[in-house]
């Protein structure tokens, strides 16, 4: 008699654990960020039991190899295994990692693959683990995330498709981009130089650091809606976000 294979099973998939929460008496729902399938929710059966082999693998910021099956929104997680290396985040870097995880949970649709964002997230974790400038790392990740989600964040042209002037002051409004000061009172006021620096991925200027923080805070609040991020206030206290 032929054995029927589970056509909905995925094995040896690169994943990160974003979040877990209790499910029934002994299980957990695990939110995973996978390279090939995007954000996946899966039940880790029995993972809350003290002797569960799965329990020790549910660690954020470590790249893992996961296996799951199921055709519904909630999959069944069969295994997680160590992949390569160990990423250690401490102090401020740890809070930055949780902040990135929360952004992914809030903005990334389920089962919508973004392989370049996965790689960017992995690289950002490595930079944070090395103790490099966490604020700049967050700005870069926030911008990459919004761009990957399809939200327009034009940095080289204004709302009328004119080239951004480095010495000019604009108001940046969500859905429109850089606008003439007289055309709107909404958004964030900033210099054209900041926008051009962000387009070049250059955050070395102090004004660019400050204004890019204001811009990204405004844009994320616009797209996230009324529900605040749990990690935001902690990072504000650390002067990172």
Protein backbone atom coordinates (compact mmCIF):
# COMPACT_ATOMS: atom_id res chain seq x y z
CA UNK A 1 0.00 0.00 0.00
CA UNK A 2 1.44 3.40 -1.02
CA UNK A 3 2.28 5.87 1.73
CA UNK A 4 0.67 9.24 1.22
CA UNK A 5 3.12 12.07 1.77
CA UNK A 6 2.02 15.31 3.39
CA UNK A 7 2.15 17.76 0.49
CA UNK A 8 1.84 20.63 2.94
CA UNK A 9 4.93 19.71 4.97
CA UNK A 10 7.99 21.93 4.87
CA UNK A 11 11.34 20.68 6.13
CA UNK A 12 14.70 22.28 6.87
CA UNK A 13 13.44 25.85 6.42
CA UNK A 14 15.52 28.74 7.72
CA UNK A 15 13.55 30.58 10.40
CA UNK A 16 13.76 32.98 13.32
CA UNK A 17 11.44 32.82 16.34
CA UNK A 18 9.66 36.17 16.67
CA UNK A 19 7.28 35.44 19.55
CA UNK A 20 5.53 32.67 21.46
CA UNK A 21 2.33 32.55 23.50
CA UNK A 22 0.44 29.82 25.38
CA UNK A 23 -1.95 27.54 23.52
CA UNK A 24 -4.20 25.14 25.43
CA UNK A 25 -2.68 23.48 28.48
CA UNK A 26 0.79 22.38 27.38
CA UNK A 27 1.44 23.90 23.96
CA UNK A 28 2.65 27.17 22.48
CA UNK A 29 1.87 29.11 19.34
CA UNK A 30 5.17 30.09 17.75
CA UNK A 31 5.39 33.05 15.38
CA UNK A 32 8.21 32.33 12.94
CA UNK A 33 9.88 34.51 10.31
CA UNK A 34 10.93 32.14 7.55
CA UNK A 35 13.12 32.93 4.58
CA UNK A 36 10.96 31.28 1.93
CA UNK A 37 7.45 31.59 3.38
CA UNK A 38 7.45 34.83 5.37
CA UNK A 39 5.71 34.93 8.73
CA UNK A 40 4.31 31.57 9.85
CA UNK A 41 2.24 30.70 12.94
CA UNK A 42 2.60 27.14 14.18
CA UNK A 43 1.63 25.12 17.24
CA UNK A 44 4.50 23.54 19.17
CA UNK A 45 2.64 20.72 20.87
CA UNK A 46 3.72 20.01 24.44
CA UNK A 47 6.35 22.77 24.36
CA UNK A 48 5.31 24.06 27.79
CA UNK A 49 6.16 20.76 29.45
CA UNK A 50 9.42 20.94 31.47
CA UNK A 51 11.05 18.08 29.56
CA UNK A 52 9.99 19.19 26.09
CA UNK A 53 12.86 19.05 23.58
CA UNK A 54 11.21 21.87 21.63
CA UNK A 55 11.12 24.21 24.62
CA UNK A 56 14.85 24.86 24.63
CA UNK A 57 14.88 25.70 20.92
CA UNK A 58 12.34 28.52 21.09
CA UNK A 59 14.90 31.29 21.33
CA UNK A 60 14.67 34.59 19.50
CA UNK A 61 17.49 35.99 17.34
CA UNK A 62 18.96 32.56 16.50
CA UNK A 63 18.73 31.28 12.94
CA UNK A 64 17.15 27.83 13.07
CA UNK A 65 16.07 25.05 10.72
CA UNK A 66 12.36 24.39 11.15
CA UNK A 67 9.87 21.79 9.95
CA UNK A 68 6.10 22.21 9.95
CA UNK A 69 2.99 21.02 8.17
CA UNK A 70 -0.60 22.10 7.62
CA UNK A 71 -2.64 23.95 5.05
CA UNK A 72 -4.49 26.28 7.43
CA UNK A 73 -3.22 29.54 8.93
CA UNK A 74 -2.09 27.73 12.06
CA UNK A 75 0.48 25.04 11.21
CA UNK A 76 1.90 22.23 13.32
CA UNK A 77 5.55 22.72 14.23
CA UNK A 78 7.41 19.41 14.16
CA UNK A 79 10.98 20.42 14.93
CA UNK A 80 13.52 23.21 15.32
CA UNK A 81 17.25 22.65 15.06
CA UNK A 82 20.30 24.86 15.43
CA UNK A 83 21.64 26.12 12.15
CA UNK A 84 24.91 28.03 12.32
CA UNK A 85 26.54 30.19 14.96
CA UNK A 86 25.02 31.88 17.99
CA UNK A 87 23.82 35.48 18.09
CA UNK A 88 24.09 37.08 21.53
CA UNK A 89 22.22 40.33 22.16
CA UNK A 90 22.60 42.15 25.45
CA UNK A 91 21.23 45.32 27.02
CA UNK A 92 20.18 47.95 24.51
CA UNK A 93 20.89 45.62 21.56
CA UNK A 94 18.49 43.06 23.05
CA UNK A 95 15.70 45.63 23.26
CA UNK A 96 16.41 46.68 19.67
CA UNK A 97 16.03 43.05 18.60
CA UNK A 98 12.66 42.77 20.35
CA UNK A 99 11.61 46.04 18.70
CA UNK A 100 12.42 44.66 15.23
CA UNK A 101 10.50 41.48 16.06
CA UNK A 102 7.46 43.50 17.11
CA UNK A 103 7.59 45.52 13.88
CA UNK A 104 7.65 42.31 11.85
CA UNK A 105 4.71 40.90 13.82
CA UNK A 106 2.67 44.05 13.31
CA UNK A 107 3.47 44.86 9.68
CA UNK A 108 4.40 41.60 7.95
CA UNK A 109 1.38 39.66 6.61
CA UNK A 110 1.32 35.93 7.21
CA UNK A 111 2.75 33.68 4.49
CA UNK A 112 4.05 36.58 2.39
CA UNK A 113 7.66 35.82 1.51
CA UNK A 114 10.29 38.55 1.67
CA UNK A 115 13.67 36.85 1.28
CA UNK A 116 15.67 40.08 1.02
CA UNK A 117 14.03 41.37 4.22
CA UNK A 118 14.91 38.07 5.94
CA UNK A 119 18.56 38.56 4.96
CA UNK A 120 18.44 42.20 6.05
CA UNK A 121 16.99 41.22 9.43
CA UNK A 122 19.70 38.59 9.91
CA UNK A 123 22.39 41.15 9.06
CA UNK A 124 20.87 43.72 11.44
CA UNK A 125 21.00 41.18 14.29
CA UNK A 126 24.67 40.54 13.61
CA UNK A 127 25.42 44.27 13.64
CA UNK A 128 23.55 44.69 16.93
CA UNK A 129 25.43 41.75 18.47
CA UNK A 130 28.72 43.47 17.58
CA UNK A 131 27.70 46.55 19.58
CA UNK A 132 27.66 48.86 16.55
CA UNK A 133 25.46 51.99 16.39
CA UNK A 134 22.04 50.61 17.29
CA UNK A 135 20.08 53.75 16.37
CA UNK A 136 21.38 53.75 12.79
CA UNK A 137 20.77 50.01 12.53
CA UNK A 138 17.12 50.56 13.49
CA UNK A 139 16.66 53.43 11.02
CA UNK A 140 17.95 51.26 8.20
CA UNK A 141 15.76 48.33 9.19
CA UNK A 142 12.63 50.48 9.57
CA UNK A 143 13.11 51.96 6.11
CA UNK A 144 13.82 48.57 4.53
CA UNK A 145 10.73 47.08 6.17
CA UNK A 146 8.40 49.81 4.91
CA UNK A 147 9.86 49.58 1.42
CA UNK A 148 9.47 45.79 1.39
CA UNK A 149 5.86 46.12 2.51
CA UNK A 150 5.20 48.29 -0.53
CA UNK A 151 4.76 51.57 1.35
CA UNK A 152 6.17 54.39 -0.75
CA UNK A 153 8.95 56.27 1.02
CA UNK A 154 10.28 58.51 -1.79
CA UNK A 155 13.60 60.09 -0.91
CA UNK A 156 14.89 61.53 -4.20
CA UNK A 157 11.84 63.37 -5.56
CA UNK A 158 9.13 65.49 -3.95
CA UNK A 159 5.40 64.97 -4.40
CA UNK A 160 5.57 66.74 -7.79
CA UNK A 161 8.47 64.54 -8.99
CA UNK A 162 10.96 67.40 -8.71
CA UNK A 163 14.42 66.43 -7.48
CA UNK A 164 15.00 66.94 -3.77
CA UNK A 165 17.18 69.98 -3.08
CA UNK A 166 19.70 69.37 -0.27
CA UNK A 167 19.46 72.88 1.17
CA UNK A 168 15.66 73.13 1.06
CA UNK A 169 13.23 72.50 3.93
CA UNK A 170 10.22 70.24 3.31
CA UNK A 171 7.32 68.72 5.17
CA UNK A 172 7.24 64.97 4.67
CA UNK A 173 3.70 63.59 4.64
CA UNK A 174 2.77 59.89 4.55
CA UNK A 175 1.37 58.77 1.17
CA UNK A 176 2.71 61.93 -0.50
CA UNK A 177 6.38 62.28 0.41
CA UNK A 178 8.26 65.58 0.57
CA UNK A 179 5.95 68.58 0.16
CA UNK A 180 6.37 72.34 -0.04
CA UNK A 181 6.00 73.93 3.39
CA UNK A 182 3.03 75.99 2.21
CA UNK A 183 1.15 72.99 0.83
CA UNK A 184 0.55 71.09 4.11
CA UNK A 185 0.80 71.38 7.88
CA UNK A 186 0.89 67.60 8.36
CA UNK A 187 3.86 65.29 8.60
CA UNK A 188 7.42 66.04 9.70
CA UNK A 189 9.55 69.04 8.80
CA UNK A 190 13.04 68.16 7.63
CA UNK A 191 15.79 69.16 5.25
CA UNK A 192 16.30 67.80 1.76
CA UNK A 193 19.81 66.86 2.83
CA UNK A 194 18.37 64.34 5.30
CA UNK A 195 16.31 62.65 2.60
CA UNK A 196 19.28 62.46 0.25
CA UNK A 197 21.47 61.08 3.03
CA UNK A 198 18.89 58.37 3.74
CA UNK A 199 18.74 57.52 0.04
CA UNK A 200 22.54 57.09 0.12
CA UNK A 201 22.32 55.08 3.36
CA UNK A 202 24.53 57.69 5.01
CA UNK A 203 23.61 58.50 8.62
CA UNK A 204 26.90 60.09 9.64
CA UNK A 205 25.46 63.63 9.87
CA UNK A 206 23.98 64.52 13.28
CA UNK A 207 21.02 66.31 11.69
CA UNK A 208 20.30 63.28 9.51
CA UNK A 209 20.35 61.04 12.59
CA UNK A 210 17.88 63.26 14.43
CA UNK A 211 15.52 64.00 11.53
CA UNK A 212 15.49 60.42 10.20
CA UNK A 213 14.42 59.26 13.68
CA UNK A 214 11.52 61.74 13.64
CA UNK A 215 10.54 60.75 10.11
CA UNK A 216 10.54 57.01 10.76
CA UNK A 217 8.66 57.43 14.04
CA UNK A 218 5.99 59.42 12.19
CA UNK A 219 5.70 56.98 9.25
CA UNK A 220 5.53 53.91 11.47
CA UNK A 221 2.85 55.50 13.65
CA UNK A 222 0.86 56.23 10.49
CA UNK A 223 1.02 52.65 9.20
CA UNK A 224 0.70 50.92 12.56
CA UNK A 225 -2.43 52.82 13.58
CA UNK A 226 -3.63 53.51 17.12
CA UNK A 227 -2.17 50.44 18.84
CA UNK A 228 1.25 51.42 20.26
CA UNK A 229 4.35 49.26 20.12
CA UNK A 230 5.16 47.66 23.48
CA UNK A 231 8.91 48.04 22.96
CA UNK A 232 8.82 51.68 21.82
CA UNK A 233 8.72 53.31 25.26
CA UNK A 234 11.59 51.18 26.51
CA UNK A 235 13.74 52.28 23.58
CA UNK A 236 12.69 55.89 24.04
CA UNK A 237 13.92 55.61 27.61
CA UNK A 238 17.23 54.34 26.22
CA UNK A 239 17.32 57.24 23.71
CA UNK A 240 17.58 54.75 20.83
CA UNK A 241 14.30 55.29 18.99
